[in-house]
Amino acid sequence: DNDNDTSSNSTSSSYSGAPNMHQLESAREGWRVDFSWENGVGVYAGSDIPRFTTIIKSKAIARSKVRDEYMHSVQVSWNEYIQMDSPACLINHCCSNANVGIRDNEFGAYDFVALRDIVEGEELIWDHGTCEFDLSSSISGSFVERHEDIRARYGRYYAEYLHSWTPSASA
């Protein structure tokens, strides 16, 4: 893979007071969790992040056969949902202006990958439609149009199980 290693990014100086362990780890990894006036809590670039860099490797901390909207579960296969660990569960959603895509990973969850160059301080945003089959088909436009848009917009950076979907598969 062409992904860049973010472990050598410089630390963020945006924290005031004594940093906690989460802040120290996140600064080393190139991201930070912070307050957003628009979205509440969000995840932000702690330094400039080049396109196609793996920013966050999430882990599944709970699994279910049904969606749990209160626990922010996301779909990982046709019949399985997971709850991701932090900070992945704190990355906010937008179906029209995402700057990170996803890729299945070895931890049963998703890696978050920069779709374009992201500047320091910019909020990381992803499109839940890249992993949610039912959700992606109901957010905007027709079912088929939404999935074609996801493929065109995110290239290979959406859930692996959706790569095999075709319009005839849902008929």
N, C-alpha and C. Protein backbone atom coordinates (compact mmCIF):
# COMPACT_ATOMS: atom_id res chain seq x y z
N ASP A 1 0.82 -1.20 0.00
CA ASP A 1 0.00 0.00 0.00
C ASP A 1 0.86 1.26 0.00
N ASN A 2 0.36 2.37 -0.51
CA ASN A 2 1.10 3.61 -0.59
C ASN A 2 0.88 4.50 0.62
N ASP A 3 0.29 3.97 1.66
CA ASP A 3 -0.05 4.81 2.81
C ASP A 3 1.20 5.31 3.50
N ASN A 4 1.14 6.54 3.97
CA ASN A 4 2.25 7.14 4.69
C ASN A 4 2.16 6.79 6.16
N ASP A 5 3.29 6.76 6.82
CA ASP A 5 3.33 6.49 8.26
C ASP A 5 3.23 7.81 8.99
N THR A 6 2.24 7.96 9.86
CA THR A 6 2.06 9.23 10.57
C THR A 6 2.74 9.24 11.92
N SER A 7 3.48 8.19 12.27
CA SER A 7 4.05 8.11 13.61
C SER A 7 5.14 9.13 13.85
N SER A 8 5.68 9.74 12.81
CA SER A 8 6.74 10.72 13.01
C SER A 8 6.23 12.15 12.97
N ASN A 9 4.93 12.36 12.94
CA ASN A 9 4.39 13.72 12.91
C ASN A 9 4.76 14.47 14.18
N SER A 10 4.95 15.76 14.07
CA SER A 10 5.27 16.55 15.25
C SER A 10 4.04 16.68 16.14
N THR A 11 4.28 16.97 17.39
CA THR A 11 3.17 17.07 18.33
C THR A 11 2.41 18.36 18.14
N SER A 12 1.15 18.35 18.51
CA SER A 12 0.30 19.51 18.39
C SER A 12 0.50 20.41 19.60
N SER A 13 0.50 21.71 19.40
CA SER A 13 0.68 22.63 20.52
C SER A 13 -0.63 23.27 20.94
N SER A 14 -1.76 22.71 20.51
CA SER A 14 -3.04 23.34 20.78
C SER A 14 -3.60 23.02 22.16
N TYR A 15 -3.01 22.10 22.89
CA TYR A 15 -3.52 21.74 24.20
C TYR A 15 -2.98 22.68 25.25
N SER A 16 -3.84 23.04 26.20
CA SER A 16 -3.39 23.88 27.30
C SER A 16 -3.38 23.03 28.56
N GLY A 17 -2.50 23.35 29.48
CA GLY A 17 -2.41 22.57 30.71
C GLY A 17 -1.66 21.28 30.49
N ALA A 18 -1.64 20.44 31.50
CA ALA A 18 -0.94 19.16 31.41
C ALA A 18 -1.71 18.21 30.50
N PRO A 19 -1.08 17.66 29.48
CA PRO A 19 -1.79 16.75 28.59
C PRO A 19 -2.04 15.40 29.25
N ASN A 20 -3.18 14.79 28.92
CA ASN A 20 -3.43 13.43 29.40
C ASN A 20 -2.82 12.45 28.40
N MET A 21 -2.85 11.15 28.71
CA MET A 21 -2.23 10.16 27.85
C MET A 21 -2.89 10.11 26.48
N HIS A 22 -4.22 10.30 26.42
CA HIS A 22 -4.92 10.29 25.15
C HIS A 22 -4.41 11.42 24.26
N GLN A 23 -4.20 12.59 24.85
CA GLN A 23 -3.70 13.73 24.09
C GLN A 23 -2.27 13.48 23.60
N LEU A 24 -1.43 12.89 24.44
CA LEU A 24 -0.06 12.61 24.03
C LEU A 24 -0.03 11.61 22.88
N GLU A 25 -0.81 10.55 22.97
CA GLU A 25 -0.86 9.54 21.92
C GLU A 25 -1.39 10.15 20.63
N SER A 26 -2.47 10.92 20.73
CA SER A 26 -3.07 11.48 19.53
C SER A 26 -2.12 12.47 18.86
N ALA A 27 -1.39 13.25 19.63
CA ALA A 27 -0.47 14.20 19.03
C ALA A 27 0.63 13.46 18.27
N ARG A 28 1.10 12.36 18.81
CA ARG A 28 2.11 11.56 18.13
C ARG A 28 1.58 10.98 16.83
N GLU A 29 0.29 10.64 16.80
CA GLU A 29 -0.32 10.03 15.63
C GLU A 29 -0.80 11.03 14.59
N GLY A 30 -0.80 12.31 14.89
CA GLY A 30 -1.17 13.31 13.89
C GLY A 30 -2.61 13.78 13.95
N TRP A 31 -3.33 13.43 15.01
CA TRP A 31 -4.71 13.89 15.16
C TRP A 31 -4.94 14.32 16.61
N ARG A 32 -6.04 15.02 16.82
CA ARG A 32 -6.43 15.41 18.18
C ARG A 32 -7.95 15.46 18.28
N VAL A 33 -8.46 15.20 19.47
CA VAL A 33 -9.89 15.30 19.74
C VAL A 33 -10.12 16.67 20.36
N ASP A 34 -11.11 17.38 19.87
CA ASP A 34 -11.35 18.73 20.36
C ASP A 34 -12.83 19.07 20.25
N PHE A 35 -13.22 20.19 20.80
CA PHE A 35 -14.59 20.67 20.75
C PHE A 35 -14.84 21.37 19.42
N SER A 36 -16.01 21.16 18.87
CA SER A 36 -16.43 21.80 17.63
C SER A 36 -17.73 22.54 17.91
N TRP A 37 -17.79 23.83 17.61
CA TRP A 37 -19.03 24.59 17.82
C TRP A 37 -20.15 24.04 16.97
N GLU A 38 -19.82 23.53 15.79
CA GLU A 38 -20.83 23.04 14.87
C GLU A 38 -21.26 21.61 15.19
N ASN A 39 -20.31 20.75 15.56
CA ASN A 39 -20.60 19.32 15.71
C ASN A 39 -20.40 18.76 17.11
N GLY A 40 -20.11 19.59 18.09
CA GLY A 40 -19.80 19.07 19.43
C GLY A 40 -18.35 18.64 19.46
N VAL A 41 -18.09 17.39 19.80
CA VAL A 41 -16.73 16.87 19.82
C VAL A 41 -16.39 16.36 18.42
N GLY A 42 -15.15 16.54 18.02
CA GLY A 42 -14.69 16.06 16.72
C GLY A 42 -13.24 15.68 16.77
N VAL A 43 -12.75 15.11 15.69
CA VAL A 43 -11.35 14.73 15.56
C VAL A 43 -10.73 15.65 14.51
N TYR A 44 -9.57 16.20 14.82
CA TYR A 44 -8.92 17.20 13.98
C TYR A 44 -7.51 16.78 13.63
N ALA A 45 -7.03 17.26 12.49
CA ALA A 45 -5.64 17.00 12.10
C ALA A 45 -4.73 17.76 13.04
N GLY A 46 -3.81 17.05 13.68
CA GLY A 46 -2.84 17.67 14.58
C GLY A 46 -1.63 18.21 13.84
N SER A 47 -1.52 17.85 12.57
CA SER A 47 -0.47 18.34 11.68
C SER A 47 -0.99 18.14 10.26
N ASP A 48 -0.27 18.65 9.28
CA ASP A 48 -0.67 18.42 7.90
C ASP A 48 -0.61 16.92 7.60
N ILE A 49 -1.63 16.42 6.91
CA ILE A 49 -1.71 14.99 6.60
C ILE A 49 -1.78 14.83 5.08
N PRO A 50 -0.80 14.15 4.49
CA PRO A 50 -0.82 13.95 3.03
C PRO A 50 -1.92 12.98 2.60
N ARG A 51 -2.37 13.15 1.38
CA ARG A 51 -3.36 12.26 0.77
C ARG A 51 -2.92 10.80 0.87
N PHE A 52 -3.87 9.92 1.13
CA PHE A 52 -3.71 8.47 1.24
C PHE A 52 -2.96 8.03 2.49
N THR A 53 -2.78 8.92 3.45
CA THR A 53 -2.18 8.54 4.72
C THR A 53 -3.23 7.85 5.59
N THR A 54 -2.86 6.73 6.19
CA THR A 54 -3.73 6.10 7.19
C THR A 54 -3.59 6.93 8.46
N ILE A 55 -4.69 7.54 8.88
CA ILE A 55 -4.67 8.46 10.01
C ILE A 55 -4.99 7.73 11.31
N ILE A 56 -6.04 6.92 11.29
CA ILE A 56 -6.50 6.22 12.50
C ILE A 56 -6.82 4.78 12.13
N LYS A 57 -6.37 3.85 12.96
CA LYS A 57 -6.72 2.43 12.83
C LYS A 57 -7.67 2.12 13.98
N SER A 58 -8.93 1.93 13.66
CA SER A 58 -9.91 1.67 14.72
C SER A 58 -9.97 0.19 15.05
N LYS A 59 -10.55 -0.10 16.21
CA LYS A 59 -10.75 -1.47 16.65
C LYS A 59 -12.21 -1.66 17.02
N ALA A 60 -12.73 -2.86 16.75
CA ALA A 60 -14.10 -3.19 17.15
C ALA A 60 -14.08 -3.51 18.64
N ILE A 61 -14.92 -2.81 19.42
CA ILE A 61 -14.98 -3.08 20.86
C ILE A 61 -16.28 -3.77 21.25
N ALA A 62 -17.23 -3.84 20.32
CA ALA A 62 -18.49 -4.58 20.54
C ALA A 62 -19.04 -4.96 19.18
N ARG A 63 -19.74 -6.11 19.13
CA ARG A 63 -20.33 -6.61 17.89
C ARG A 63 -21.80 -6.94 18.11
N SER A 64 -22.59 -6.82 17.02
CA SER A 64 -24.02 -7.11 17.11
C SER A 64 -24.56 -7.46 15.73
N LYS A 65 -25.67 -8.15 15.70
CA LYS A 65 -26.36 -8.46 14.44
C LYS A 65 -27.37 -7.37 14.08
N VAL A 66 -27.58 -6.42 14.98
CA VAL A 66 -28.51 -5.31 14.74
C VAL A 66 -27.81 -3.98 15.01
N ARG A 67 -28.26 -2.94 14.32
CA ARG A 67 -27.71 -1.59 14.51
C ARG A 67 -28.13 -1.05 15.88
N ASP A 68 -27.19 -0.45 16.56
CA ASP A 68 -27.46 0.20 17.84
C ASP A 68 -27.13 1.68 17.69
N GLU A 69 -28.14 2.48 17.39
CA GLU A 69 -27.93 3.90 17.13
C GLU A 69 -27.43 4.65 18.35
N TYR A 70 -27.72 4.17 19.54
CA TYR A 70 -27.29 4.86 20.75
C TYR A 70 -25.81 4.62 21.04
N MET A 71 -25.27 3.54 20.52
CA MET A 71 -23.86 3.23 20.74
C MET A 71 -23.02 3.57 19.51
N HIS A 72 -23.60 4.26 18.54
CA HIS A 72 -22.89 4.67 17.33
C HIS A 72 -22.28 3.47 16.59
N SER A 73 -23.06 2.42 16.44
CA SER A 73 -22.55 1.25 15.74
C SER A 73 -22.51 1.53 14.24
N VAL A 74 -21.59 0.84 13.56
CA VAL A 74 -21.45 0.94 12.12
C VAL A 74 -21.45 -0.46 11.53
N GLN A 75 -21.86 -0.57 10.29
CA GLN A 75 -21.98 -1.85 9.62
C GLN A 75 -20.63 -2.28 9.05
N VAL A 76 -20.27 -3.58 9.27
CA VAL A 76 -19.01 -4.10 8.73
C VAL A 76 -19.23 -5.27 7.77
N SER A 77 -20.45 -5.78 7.70
CA SER A 77 -20.80 -6.83 6.74
C SER A 77 -22.30 -6.76 6.53
N TRP A 78 -22.81 -7.63 5.66
CA TRP A 78 -24.24 -7.59 5.35
C TRP A 78 -25.10 -7.79 6.59
N ASN A 79 -24.59 -8.46 7.63
CA ASN A 79 -25.41 -8.73 8.82
C ASN A 79 -24.65 -8.55 10.12
N GLU A 80 -23.67 -7.63 10.14
CA GLU A 80 -22.93 -7.39 11.39
C GLU A 80 -22.61 -5.92 11.56
N TYR A 81 -22.74 -5.47 12.80
CA TYR A 81 -22.46 -4.10 13.19
C TYR A 81 -21.44 -4.12 14.31
N ILE A 82 -20.63 -3.08 14.41
CA ILE A 82 -19.66 -2.97 15.49
C ILE A 82 -19.73 -1.59 16.11
N GLN A 83 -19.20 -1.50 17.31
CA GLN A 83 -18.93 -0.21 17.92
C GLN A 83 -17.42 -0.06 17.85
N MET A 84 -16.95 1.08 17.32
CA MET A 84 -15.51 1.33 17.21
C MET A 84 -14.99 2.03 18.45
N ASP A 85 -13.71 1.86 18.70
CA ASP A 85 -13.07 2.53 19.82
C ASP A 85 -12.87 4.01 19.51
N SER A 86 -12.40 4.74 20.49
CA SER A 86 -12.07 6.15 20.33
C SER A 86 -10.65 6.25 19.77
N PRO A 87 -10.40 7.14 18.88
CA PRO A 87 -11.18 8.31 18.48
C PRO A 87 -12.10 8.07 17.27
N ALA A 88 -12.04 6.87 16.68
CA ALA A 88 -12.83 6.63 15.46
C ALA A 88 -14.30 6.94 15.66
N CYS A 89 -14.84 6.58 16.82
CA CYS A 89 -16.26 6.82 17.09
C CYS A 89 -16.59 8.30 17.22
N LEU A 90 -15.58 9.15 17.28
CA LEU A 90 -15.79 10.59 17.42
C LEU A 90 -15.65 11.37 16.11
N ILE A 91 -15.28 10.67 15.03
CA ILE A 91 -15.15 11.34 13.73
C ILE A 91 -16.56 11.65 13.22
N ASN A 92 -16.81 12.91 12.92
CA ASN A 92 -18.13 13.34 12.49
C ASN A 92 -18.41 12.97 11.03
N HIS A 93 -19.69 13.07 10.66
CA HIS A 93 -20.20 12.61 9.36
C HIS A 93 -20.66 13.76 8.48
N CYS A 94 -20.42 13.60 7.19
CA CYS A 94 -21.01 14.46 6.17
C CYS A 94 -21.02 13.67 4.88
N CYS A 95 -22.17 13.56 4.23
CA CYS A 95 -22.24 12.74 3.01
C CYS A 95 -21.84 13.50 1.76
N SER A 96 -21.46 14.77 1.89
CA SER A 96 -21.09 15.51 0.68
C SER A 96 -19.70 16.12 0.74
N ASN A 97 -19.04 16.12 1.89
CA ASN A 97 -17.76 16.80 1.99
C ASN A 97 -16.76 16.03 2.84
N ALA A 98 -16.75 14.71 2.76
CA ALA A 98 -15.83 13.90 3.56
C ALA A 98 -14.40 14.09 3.08
N ASN A 99 -13.46 14.13 4.03
CA ASN A 99 -12.04 14.20 3.67
C ASN A 99 -11.30 12.92 4.05
N VAL A 100 -11.99 11.97 4.68
CA VAL A 100 -11.39 10.67 4.96
C VAL A 100 -12.32 9.56 4.46
N GLY A 101 -11.71 8.52 3.96
CA GLY A 101 -12.43 7.32 3.56
C GLY A 101 -12.06 6.20 4.52
N ILE A 102 -12.64 5.02 4.29
CA ILE A 102 -12.37 3.89 5.19
C ILE A 102 -11.87 2.70 4.40
N ARG A 103 -11.21 1.82 5.14
CA ARG A 103 -10.71 0.57 4.59
C ARG A 103 -10.79 -0.47 5.70
N ASP A 104 -11.30 -1.66 5.39
CA ASP A 104 -11.36 -2.74 6.39
C ASP A 104 -9.95 -2.99 6.93
N ASN A 105 -9.88 -3.33 8.23
CA ASN A 105 -8.56 -3.60 8.82
C ASN A 105 -8.53 -4.91 9.58
N GLU A 106 -7.38 -5.24 10.09
CA GLU A 106 -7.15 -6.48 10.81
C GLU A 106 -7.79 -6.54 12.19
N PHE A 107 -8.35 -5.44 12.66
CA PHE A 107 -8.98 -5.39 13.98
C PHE A 107 -10.50 -5.51 13.92
N GLY A 108 -11.02 -5.89 12.76
CA GLY A 108 -12.46 -6.06 12.60
C GLY A 108 -13.22 -4.75 12.50
N ALA A 109 -12.51 -3.70 12.16
CA ALA A 109 -13.12 -2.37 12.06
C ALA A 109 -12.56 -1.69 10.81
N TYR A 110 -12.35 -0.38 10.89
CA TYR A 110 -11.91 0.37 9.71
C TYR A 110 -10.69 1.23 10.01
N ASP A 111 -9.83 1.35 8.99
CA ASP A 111 -8.79 2.37 9.00
C ASP A 111 -9.41 3.60 8.36
N PHE A 112 -9.02 4.76 8.84
CA PHE A 112 -9.47 6.03 8.27
C PHE A 112 -8.30 6.63 7.49
N VAL A 113 -8.53 6.89 6.19
CA VAL A 113 -7.48 7.26 5.26
C VAL A 113 -7.81 8.63 4.65
N ALA A 114 -6.80 9.49 4.58
CA ALA A 114 -7.00 10.82 3.98
C ALA A 114 -7.30 10.68 2.49
N LEU A 115 -8.43 11.23 2.05
CA LEU A 115 -8.81 11.21 0.63
C LEU A 115 -8.12 12.31 -0.17
N ARG A 116 -7.63 13.30 0.54
CA ARG A 116 -6.92 14.42 -0.07
C ARG A 116 -5.97 14.96 0.99
N ASP A 117 -5.13 15.90 0.64
CA ASP A 117 -4.28 16.53 1.64
C ASP A 117 -5.18 17.24 2.66
N ILE A 118 -4.88 17.06 3.92
CA ILE A 118 -5.66 17.67 5.01
C ILE A 118 -4.71 18.57 5.78
N VAL A 119 -5.12 19.81 6.02
CA VAL A 119 -4.25 20.75 6.71
C VAL A 119 -4.44 20.68 8.22
N GLU A 120 -3.40 21.03 8.93
CA GLU A 120 -3.44 21.04 10.39
C GLU A 120 -4.63 21.86 10.88
N GLY A 121 -5.38 21.31 11.83
CA GLY A 121 -6.53 22.00 12.40
C GLY A 121 -7.84 21.68 11.70
N GLU A 122 -7.81 21.08 10.53
CA GLU A 122 -9.03 20.74 9.79
C GLU A 122 -9.71 19.53 10.44
N GLU A 123 -11.03 19.60 10.56
CA GLU A 123 -11.77 18.49 11.14
C GLU A 123 -11.79 17.30 10.17
N LEU A 124 -11.60 16.10 10.73
CA LEU A 124 -11.72 14.88 9.94
C LEU A 124 -13.19 14.53 9.84
N ILE A 125 -13.66 14.29 8.62
CA ILE A 125 -15.07 14.01 8.35
C ILE A 125 -15.15 12.78 7.45
N TRP A 126 -16.09 11.87 7.77
CA TRP A 126 -16.29 10.71 6.90
C TRP A 126 -17.75 10.55 6.59
N ASP A 127 -18.02 9.79 5.55
CA ASP A 127 -19.38 9.55 5.06
C ASP A 127 -19.81 8.17 5.56
N HIS A 128 -20.80 8.13 6.45
CA HIS A 128 -21.28 6.85 6.99
C HIS A 128 -21.82 5.93 5.89
N GLY A 129 -22.22 6.50 4.78
CA GLY A 129 -22.70 5.70 3.67
C GLY A 129 -21.64 4.79 3.09
N THR A 130 -20.38 5.04 3.41
CA THR A 130 -19.30 4.19 2.92
C THR A 130 -19.25 2.84 3.61
N CYS A 131 -20.06 2.67 4.66
CA CYS A 131 -20.11 1.36 5.32
C CYS A 131 -21.54 0.92 5.65
N GLU A 132 -22.48 1.81 5.59
CA GLU A 132 -23.85 1.50 5.98
C GLU A 132 -24.72 1.26 4.75
N PHE A 133 -24.98 0.01 4.42
CA PHE A 133 -25.76 -0.31 3.23
C PHE A 133 -27.16 0.30 3.28
N ASP A 134 -27.88 0.07 4.35
CA ASP A 134 -29.24 0.61 4.46
C ASP A 134 -29.24 2.13 4.55
N LEU A 135 -28.36 2.67 5.36
CA LEU A 135 -28.28 4.12 5.54
C LEU A 135 -27.88 4.81 4.24
N SER A 136 -26.89 4.25 3.55
CA SER A 136 -26.40 4.90 2.34
C SER A 136 -27.46 4.94 1.25
N SER A 137 -28.38 4.01 1.30
CA SER A 137 -29.41 3.98 0.26
C SER A 137 -30.57 4.91 0.56
N SER A 138 -30.63 5.46 1.76
CA SER A 138 -31.78 6.29 2.12
C SER A 138 -31.43 7.75 2.38
N ILE A 139 -30.16 8.10 2.40
CA ILE A 139 -29.78 9.47 2.74
C ILE A 139 -30.18 10.45 1.65
N SER A 140 -29.77 10.20 0.43
CA SER A 140 -30.08 11.14 -0.64
C SER A 140 -30.13 10.41 -1.97
N GLY A 141 -31.04 10.80 -2.82
CA GLY A 141 -31.16 10.19 -4.13
C GLY A 141 -31.67 8.77 -4.05
N SER A 142 -31.65 8.10 -5.18
CA SER A 142 -32.11 6.72 -5.21
C SER A 142 -31.04 5.79 -4.66
N PHE A 143 -31.46 4.61 -4.33
CA PHE A 143 -30.61 3.56 -3.81
C PHE A 143 -29.41 3.32 -4.73
N VAL A 144 -29.65 3.11 -6.00
CA VAL A 144 -28.59 2.82 -6.97
C VAL A 144 -27.69 4.04 -7.15
N GLU A 145 -28.27 5.24 -7.27
CA GLU A 145 -27.48 6.45 -7.45
C GLU A 145 -26.52 6.68 -6.29
N ARG A 146 -27.00 6.45 -5.08
CA ARG A 146 -26.15 6.68 -3.89
C ARG A 146 -24.96 5.73 -3.89
N HIS A 147 -25.17 4.46 -4.19
CA HIS A 147 -24.05 3.52 -4.20
C HIS A 147 -23.08 3.80 -5.35
N GLU A 148 -23.58 4.22 -6.49
CA GLU A 148 -22.69 4.60 -7.59
C GLU A 148 -21.89 5.84 -7.22
N ASP A 149 -22.51 6.79 -6.52
CA ASP A 149 -21.82 7.98 -6.05
C ASP A 149 -20.71 7.61 -5.06
N ILE A 150 -20.98 6.70 -4.15
CA ILE A 150 -19.97 6.27 -3.18
C ILE A 150 -18.77 5.67 -3.91
N ARG A 151 -19.02 4.81 -4.85
CA ARG A 151 -17.91 4.19 -5.61
C ARG A 151 -17.09 5.24 -6.35
N ALA A 152 -17.77 6.18 -6.99
CA ALA A 152 -17.07 7.21 -7.75
C ALA A 152 -16.30 8.17 -6.84
N ARG A 153 -16.90 8.54 -5.74
CA ARG A 153 -16.32 9.54 -4.85
C ARG A 153 -15.17 8.99 -4.01
N TYR A 154 -15.28 7.75 -3.56
CA TYR A 154 -14.32 7.21 -2.58
C TYR A 154 -13.37 6.17 -3.14
N GLY A 155 -13.49 5.85 -4.43
CA GLY A 155 -12.56 4.87 -5.00
C GLY A 155 -12.61 3.57 -4.24
N ARG A 156 -11.50 3.10 -3.76
CA ARG A 156 -11.46 1.86 -2.98
C ARG A 156 -11.66 2.08 -1.48
N TYR A 157 -11.87 3.32 -1.06
CA TYR A 157 -11.95 3.63 0.37
C TYR A 157 -13.38 3.63 0.90
N TYR A 158 -14.00 2.47 0.82
CA TYR A 158 -15.30 2.22 1.45
C TYR A 158 -15.33 0.75 1.83
N ALA A 159 -16.30 0.35 2.65
CA ALA A 159 -16.34 -1.00 3.22
C ALA A 159 -16.21 -2.09 2.17
N GLU A 160 -15.36 -3.06 2.45
CA GLU A 160 -15.08 -4.14 1.51
C GLU A 160 -16.34 -4.91 1.12
N TYR A 161 -17.23 -5.15 2.08
CA TYR A 161 -18.42 -5.94 1.75
C TYR A 161 -19.30 -5.24 0.71
N LEU A 162 -19.24 -3.92 0.62
CA LEU A 162 -20.03 -3.18 -0.37
C LEU A 162 -19.41 -3.21 -1.77
N HIS A 163 -18.15 -3.60 -1.86
CA HIS A 163 -17.51 -3.68 -3.18
C HIS A 163 -18.20 -4.69 -4.08
N SER A 164 -18.82 -5.69 -3.48
CA SER A 164 -19.46 -6.74 -4.28
C SER A 164 -20.92 -6.42 -4.62
N TRP A 165 -21.44 -5.33 -4.10
CA TRP A 165 -22.85 -4.98 -4.34
C TRP A 165 -23.05 -4.58 -5.80
N THR A 166 -24.14 -5.05 -6.39
CA THR A 166 -24.57 -4.63 -7.72
C THR A 166 -26.07 -4.34 -7.67
N PRO A 167 -26.59 -3.51 -8.56
CA PRO A 167 -28.03 -3.23 -8.55
C PRO A 167 -28.86 -4.51 -8.64
N SER A 168 -28.42 -5.50 -9.39
CA SER A 168 -29.18 -6.73 -9.51
C SER A 168 -29.18 -7.55 -8.22
N ALA A 169 -28.17 -7.32 -7.34
CA ALA A 169 -28.10 -8.05 -6.08
C ALA A 169 -29.20 -7.64 -5.11
N SER A 170 -29.73 -6.42 -5.27
CA SER A 170 -30.76 -5.96 -4.35
C SER A 170 -32.17 -6.08 -4.93
N ALA A 171 -32.27 -6.55 -6.14
CA ALA A 171 -33.58 -6.63 -6.79
C ALA A 171 -34.37 -7.83 -6.30
